[in-house]
Amino acid sequence: MNKLKNLVWNLRIIKDTKGQDLIEYALMAGFVAVAAGAIMPNVATSISTIFSKVATTMSTAAAAGS
């Protein structure tokens, strides 16, 4: 009976797609930013600055959360 319960929980986890759209949108935004930086070199500096600011903010939030 316990094995059946574990199987049901594993299937629920595999079927869980919550948050999938957010990850896909983030990956697409990153791809567009990289493509724009490759096509327009003068934009690459601005994109790099933005990603650095995001990385700093995420690191600060992670440190504050723990």
N, C-alpha and C. Protein backbone atom coordinates (compact mmCIF):
# COMPACT_ATOMS: atom_id res chain seq x y z
N MET A 1 0.83 -1.20 0.00
CA MET A 1 0.00 0.00 0.00
C MET A 1 0.87 1.26 0.00
N ASN A 2 1.97 1.22 0.75
CA ASN A 2 2.86 2.36 0.84
C ASN A 2 3.53 2.64 -0.51
N LYS A 3 3.87 1.57 -1.24
CA LYS A 3 4.48 1.74 -2.56
C LYS A 3 3.51 2.41 -3.52
N LEU A 4 2.24 2.05 -3.42
CA LEU A 4 1.22 2.66 -4.28
C LEU A 4 1.09 4.15 -3.98
N LYS A 5 1.13 4.49 -2.71
CA LYS A 5 1.03 5.90 -2.31
C LYS A 5 2.23 6.68 -2.86
N ASN A 6 3.43 6.10 -2.76
CA ASN A 6 4.63 6.76 -3.29
C ASN A 6 4.53 6.94 -4.81
N LEU A 7 4.01 5.93 -5.49
CA LEU A 7 3.86 6.02 -6.94
C LEU A 7 2.91 7.15 -7.31
N VAL A 8 1.80 7.26 -6.58
CA VAL A 8 0.83 8.33 -6.86
C VAL A 8 1.48 9.70 -6.66
N TRP A 9 2.25 9.87 -5.59
CA TRP A 9 2.91 11.15 -5.34
C TRP A 9 3.94 11.45 -6.42
N ASN A 10 4.68 10.44 -6.86
CA ASN A 10 5.67 10.65 -7.92
C ASN A 10 4.99 11.07 -9.22
N LEU A 11 3.86 10.47 -9.53
CA LEU A 11 3.14 10.85 -10.74
C LEU A 11 2.61 12.27 -10.64
N ARG A 12 2.18 12.68 -9.47
CA ARG A 12 1.70 14.06 -9.29
C ARG A 12 2.84 15.06 -9.50
N ILE A 13 4.02 14.72 -9.02
CA ILE A 13 5.16 15.62 -9.17
C ILE A 13 5.54 15.73 -10.65
N ILE A 14 5.52 14.61 -11.36
CA ILE A 14 5.87 14.62 -12.78
C ILE A 14 4.86 15.44 -13.58
N LYS A 15 3.58 15.35 -13.23
CA LYS A 15 2.54 16.07 -13.96
C LYS A 15 2.47 17.55 -13.58
N ASP A 16 3.09 17.93 -12.47
CA ASP A 16 3.01 19.31 -12.00
C ASP A 16 3.72 20.24 -12.97
N THR A 17 2.99 21.16 -13.57
CA THR A 17 3.58 22.09 -14.53
C THR A 17 3.49 23.54 -14.05
N LYS A 18 3.20 23.73 -12.78
CA LYS A 18 3.12 25.09 -12.25
C LYS A 18 4.50 25.73 -12.33
N GLY A 19 4.55 26.95 -12.80
CA GLY A 19 5.82 27.65 -12.90
C GLY A 19 6.54 27.40 -14.22
N GLN A 20 6.07 26.46 -15.00
CA GLN A 20 6.73 26.13 -16.26
C GLN A 20 6.69 27.33 -17.21
N ASP A 21 5.56 28.02 -17.30
CA ASP A 21 5.44 29.16 -18.19
C ASP A 21 6.42 30.26 -17.81
N LEU A 22 6.57 30.51 -16.52
CA LEU A 22 7.48 31.55 -16.06
C LEU A 22 8.91 31.24 -16.48
N ILE A 23 9.32 30.00 -16.34
CA ILE A 23 10.68 29.61 -16.74
C ILE A 23 10.85 29.77 -18.25
N GLU A 24 9.84 29.38 -19.00
CA GLU A 24 9.93 29.51 -20.46
C GLU A 24 10.04 30.97 -20.87
N TYR A 25 9.26 31.85 -20.24
CA TYR A 25 9.33 33.27 -20.56
C TYR A 25 10.70 33.85 -20.18
N ALA A 26 11.25 33.43 -19.05
CA ALA A 26 12.56 33.92 -18.64
C ALA A 26 13.65 33.46 -19.61
N LEU A 27 13.57 32.21 -20.03
CA LEU A 27 14.54 31.72 -21.01
C LEU A 27 14.42 32.46 -22.34
N MET A 28 13.19 32.71 -22.77
CA MET A 28 12.98 33.43 -24.02
C MET A 28 13.50 34.86 -23.92
N ALA A 29 13.25 35.52 -22.80
CA ALA A 29 13.76 36.89 -22.62
C ALA A 29 15.29 36.90 -22.64
N GLY A 30 15.89 35.92 -22.01
CA GLY A 30 17.35 35.82 -22.03
C GLY A 30 17.88 35.60 -23.43
N PHE A 31 17.22 34.73 -24.18
CA PHE A 31 17.63 34.47 -25.56
C PHE A 31 17.51 35.72 -26.42
N VAL A 32 16.41 36.44 -26.27
CA VAL A 32 16.21 37.68 -27.05
C VAL A 32 17.29 38.70 -26.69
N ALA A 33 17.63 38.80 -25.40
CA ALA A 33 18.66 39.75 -24.97
C ALA A 33 20.02 39.38 -25.56
N VAL A 34 20.35 38.10 -25.55
CA VAL A 34 21.63 37.66 -26.11
C VAL A 34 21.65 37.90 -27.62
N ALA A 35 20.55 37.60 -28.30
CA ALA A 35 20.49 37.83 -29.74
C ALA A 35 20.61 39.31 -30.07
N ALA A 36 19.93 40.15 -29.30
CA ALA A 36 20.02 41.60 -29.53
C ALA A 36 21.44 42.09 -29.30
N GLY A 37 22.09 41.55 -28.27
CA GLY A 37 23.48 41.95 -28.01
C GLY A 37 24.41 41.52 -29.12
N ALA A 38 24.15 40.37 -29.72
CA ALA A 38 25.00 39.90 -30.82
C ALA A 38 24.76 40.71 -32.09
N ILE A 39 23.52 41.12 -32.32
CA ILE A 39 23.19 41.87 -33.54
C ILE A 39 23.61 43.33 -33.41
N MET A 40 23.41 43.91 -32.24
CA MET A 40 23.72 45.33 -32.03
C MET A 40 24.77 45.43 -30.93
N PRO A 41 26.05 45.48 -31.29
CA PRO A 41 27.12 45.48 -30.27
C PRO A 41 27.03 46.62 -29.25
N ASN A 42 26.55 47.79 -29.65
CA ASN A 42 26.47 48.90 -28.70
C ASN A 42 25.39 48.68 -27.65
N VAL A 43 24.46 47.76 -27.91
CA VAL A 43 23.42 47.44 -26.93
C VAL A 43 23.95 46.41 -25.92
N ALA A 44 24.99 45.68 -26.30
CA ALA A 44 25.54 44.62 -25.44
C ALA A 44 25.96 45.16 -24.09
N THR A 45 26.52 46.35 -24.04
CA THR A 45 26.95 46.94 -22.77
C THR A 45 25.76 47.20 -21.87
N SER A 46 24.68 47.72 -22.43
CA SER A 46 23.48 47.99 -21.65
C SER A 46 22.88 46.70 -21.11
N ILE A 47 22.85 45.67 -21.95
CA ILE A 47 22.31 44.38 -21.53
C ILE A 47 23.15 43.79 -20.41
N SER A 48 24.46 43.90 -20.55
CA SER A 48 25.37 43.39 -19.51
C SER A 48 25.13 44.11 -18.18
N THR A 49 24.94 45.42 -18.25
CA THR A 49 24.68 46.20 -17.03
C THR A 49 23.38 45.76 -16.38
N ILE A 50 22.35 45.55 -17.17
CA ILE A 50 21.06 45.13 -16.63
C ILE A 50 21.17 43.76 -15.96
N PHE A 51 21.83 42.80 -16.63
CA PHE A 51 21.98 41.47 -16.04
C PHE A 51 22.82 41.51 -14.76
N SER A 52 23.81 42.39 -14.72
CA SER A 52 24.62 42.54 -13.51
C SER A 52 23.78 43.07 -12.35
N LYS A 53 22.92 44.05 -12.64
CA LYS A 53 22.04 44.58 -11.60
C LYS A 53 21.06 43.53 -11.11
N VAL A 54 20.51 42.74 -12.03
CA VAL A 54 19.58 41.68 -11.65
C VAL A 54 20.30 40.64 -10.79
N ALA A 55 21.51 40.26 -11.19
CA ALA A 55 22.28 39.27 -10.42
C ALA A 55 22.60 39.78 -9.02
N THR A 56 22.95 41.06 -8.91
CA THR A 56 23.23 41.65 -7.60
C THR A 56 21.98 41.65 -6.74
N THR A 57 20.85 42.02 -7.31
CA THR A 57 19.59 42.06 -6.56
C THR A 57 19.19 40.66 -6.10
N MET A 58 19.37 39.67 -6.98
CA MET A 58 19.03 38.29 -6.61
C MET A 58 19.94 37.78 -5.50
N SER A 59 21.22 38.11 -5.57
CA SER A 59 22.16 37.68 -4.52
C SER A 59 21.82 38.32 -3.19
N THR A 60 21.46 39.60 -3.22
CA THR A 60 21.09 40.30 -2.00
C THR A 60 19.82 39.70 -1.40
N ALA A 61 18.85 39.41 -2.27
CA ALA A 61 17.59 38.82 -1.79
C ALA A 61 17.84 37.43 -1.22
N ALA A 62 18.70 36.66 -1.85
CA ALA A 62 18.99 35.31 -1.36
C ALA A 62 19.71 35.37 0.00
N ALA A 63 20.60 36.32 0.15
CA ALA A 63 21.33 36.46 1.42
C ALA A 63 20.39 36.91 2.53
N ALA A 64 19.46 37.80 2.18
CA ALA A 64 18.51 38.29 3.18
C ALA A 64 17.51 37.22 3.59
N GLY A 65 17.21 36.31 2.65
CA GLY A 65 16.22 35.28 2.92
C GLY A 65 16.74 34.13 3.78
N SER A 66 18.05 33.99 3.85
CA SER A 66 18.58 32.86 4.63
C SER A 66 19.02 33.23 6.01
